[in-house]
Protein backbone atom coordinates (compact mmCIF):
# COMPACT_ATOMS: atom_id res chain seq x y z
CA ALA A 1 -146.93 -67.64 -48.29
CA ARG A 2 -145.04 -65.26 -46.00
CA GLY A 3 -147.72 -65.66 -43.35
CA ARG A 4 -147.41 -69.44 -43.41
CA VAL A 5 -143.64 -69.11 -43.00
CA LYS A 6 -144.10 -66.85 -39.97
CA ARG A 7 -146.53 -69.32 -38.41
CA GLY A 8 -144.06 -72.14 -39.00
CA GLU A 9 -146.36 -73.93 -41.45
CA ALA A 10 -143.89 -73.59 -44.35
CA THR A 11 -140.14 -73.43 -44.77
CA ASN A 12 -139.90 -71.66 -48.12
CA GLY A 13 -139.40 -68.15 -46.78
CA GLY A 14 -136.70 -67.32 -49.32
CA VAL A 15 -138.89 -68.30 -52.24
CA ALA A 16 -141.82 -66.33 -50.84
CA LEU A 17 -139.64 -63.26 -50.37
CA ALA A 18 -138.24 -63.62 -53.90
CA GLY A 19 -141.81 -63.77 -55.22
CA VAL A 20 -142.75 -60.58 -53.40
CA ILE A 21 -139.63 -58.78 -54.62
CA LEU A 22 -140.15 -59.90 -58.22
CA GLY A 23 -143.81 -58.89 -58.06
CA VAL A 24 -142.95 -55.39 -56.84
CA PHE A 25 -140.22 -55.14 -59.48
CA ALA A 26 -142.67 -56.15 -62.22
CA VAL A 27 -145.17 -53.50 -61.12
CA VAL A 28 -142.47 -50.80 -61.10
CA VAL A 29 -141.19 -51.83 -64.55
CA GLY A 30 -144.76 -51.83 -65.86
CA LEU A 31 -145.41 -48.32 -64.55
CA VAL A 32 -142.15 -47.05 -66.07
CA PHE A 33 -143.09 -48.69 -69.39
CA ILE A 34 -146.49 -46.97 -69.37
CA ALA A 35 -144.90 -43.60 -68.54
CA VAL A 36 -142.42 -43.96 -71.41
CA TRP A 37 -145.19 -44.82 -73.90
CA ILE A 38 -147.33 -41.89 -72.77
CA SER A 39 -144.33 -39.58 -73.12
CA LEU A 40 -143.55 -40.89 -76.62
CA LEU A 41 -147.17 -40.56 -77.71
CA ARG A 42 -147.27 -36.96 -76.52
CA GLU A 43 -143.98 -36.23 -78.26
CA VAL A 44 -145.19 -37.41 -81.67
CA GLY A 45 -148.53 -35.61 -81.44
CA ALA A 46 -150.90 -38.42 -80.55
CA GLN A 47 -153.35 -35.95 -79.03
CA ASN A 48 -153.58 -34.14 -82.36
CA TYR A 49 -154.21 -37.50 -84.03
CA PHE A 50 -157.02 -38.37 -81.61
CA ASP A 51 -158.55 -34.92 -82.03
CA CYS A 52 -158.34 -35.28 -85.81
CA LEU A 53 -160.04 -38.68 -85.67
CA GLN A 54 -162.82 -37.29 -83.50
CA GLN A 55 -163.42 -34.43 -85.94
CA ALA A 56 -163.27 -36.81 -88.92
CA GLY A 57 -166.11 -38.90 -87.56
CA GLN A 58 -167.09 -41.65 -90.02
CA ASP A 59 -165.56 -39.96 -93.08
CA ARG A 60 -163.00 -42.53 -94.27
CA ALA A 61 -161.06 -40.03 -96.37
CA LYS A 62 -160.61 -37.71 -93.39
CA VAL A 63 -159.67 -40.63 -91.13
CA GLN A 64 -157.02 -41.67 -93.66
CA GLU A 65 -155.77 -38.08 -93.80
CA CYS A 66 -155.42 -38.11 -90.00
CA ALA A 67 -153.46 -41.36 -90.16
CA ASP A 68 -151.20 -39.98 -92.88
CA LYS A 69 -150.48 -36.83 -90.87
CA PHE A 70 -149.72 -38.87 -87.75
CA ARG A 71 -147.45 -41.24 -89.69
CA GLN A 72 -145.60 -38.25 -91.12
CA SER A 73 -145.24 -36.78 -87.63
CA VAL A 74 -143.68 -40.03 -86.37
CA GLU A 75 -141.40 -40.29 -89.40
CA ASP A 76 -140.25 -36.69 -89.00
CA ARG A 77 -139.66 -37.04 -85.26
CA PHE A 78 -137.65 -40.26 -85.46
CA SER A 79 -136.12 -39.78 -88.93
CA VAL A 80 -137.63 -43.00 -90.27
CA THR A 81 -139.78 -43.78 -93.27
CA GLU A 82 -142.28 -46.56 -93.71
CA LYS A 83 -141.35 -49.04 -96.40
CA PRO A 84 -144.21 -49.74 -98.79
CA THR A 85 -145.50 -53.30 -98.72
CA GLY A 86 -146.40 -55.34 -101.73
């Protein structure tokens, strides 16, 4: 769209510029969001959880144990507890 404005084929230069700016802003916000999530996952021990799952293999009891440990890690870190459903 910016190229067409420069060639005189369009008159919506402001809208095209706003689109470019919003697009760049969205990419930056997305990258920040990803960085925050990665940081939070590291902080609560996600790598330990993934390692535990890999070692557990197909053993459902061990997989559940990994999930329980990870849940406890999150609860301890953020001082929250999961409310039982049902």
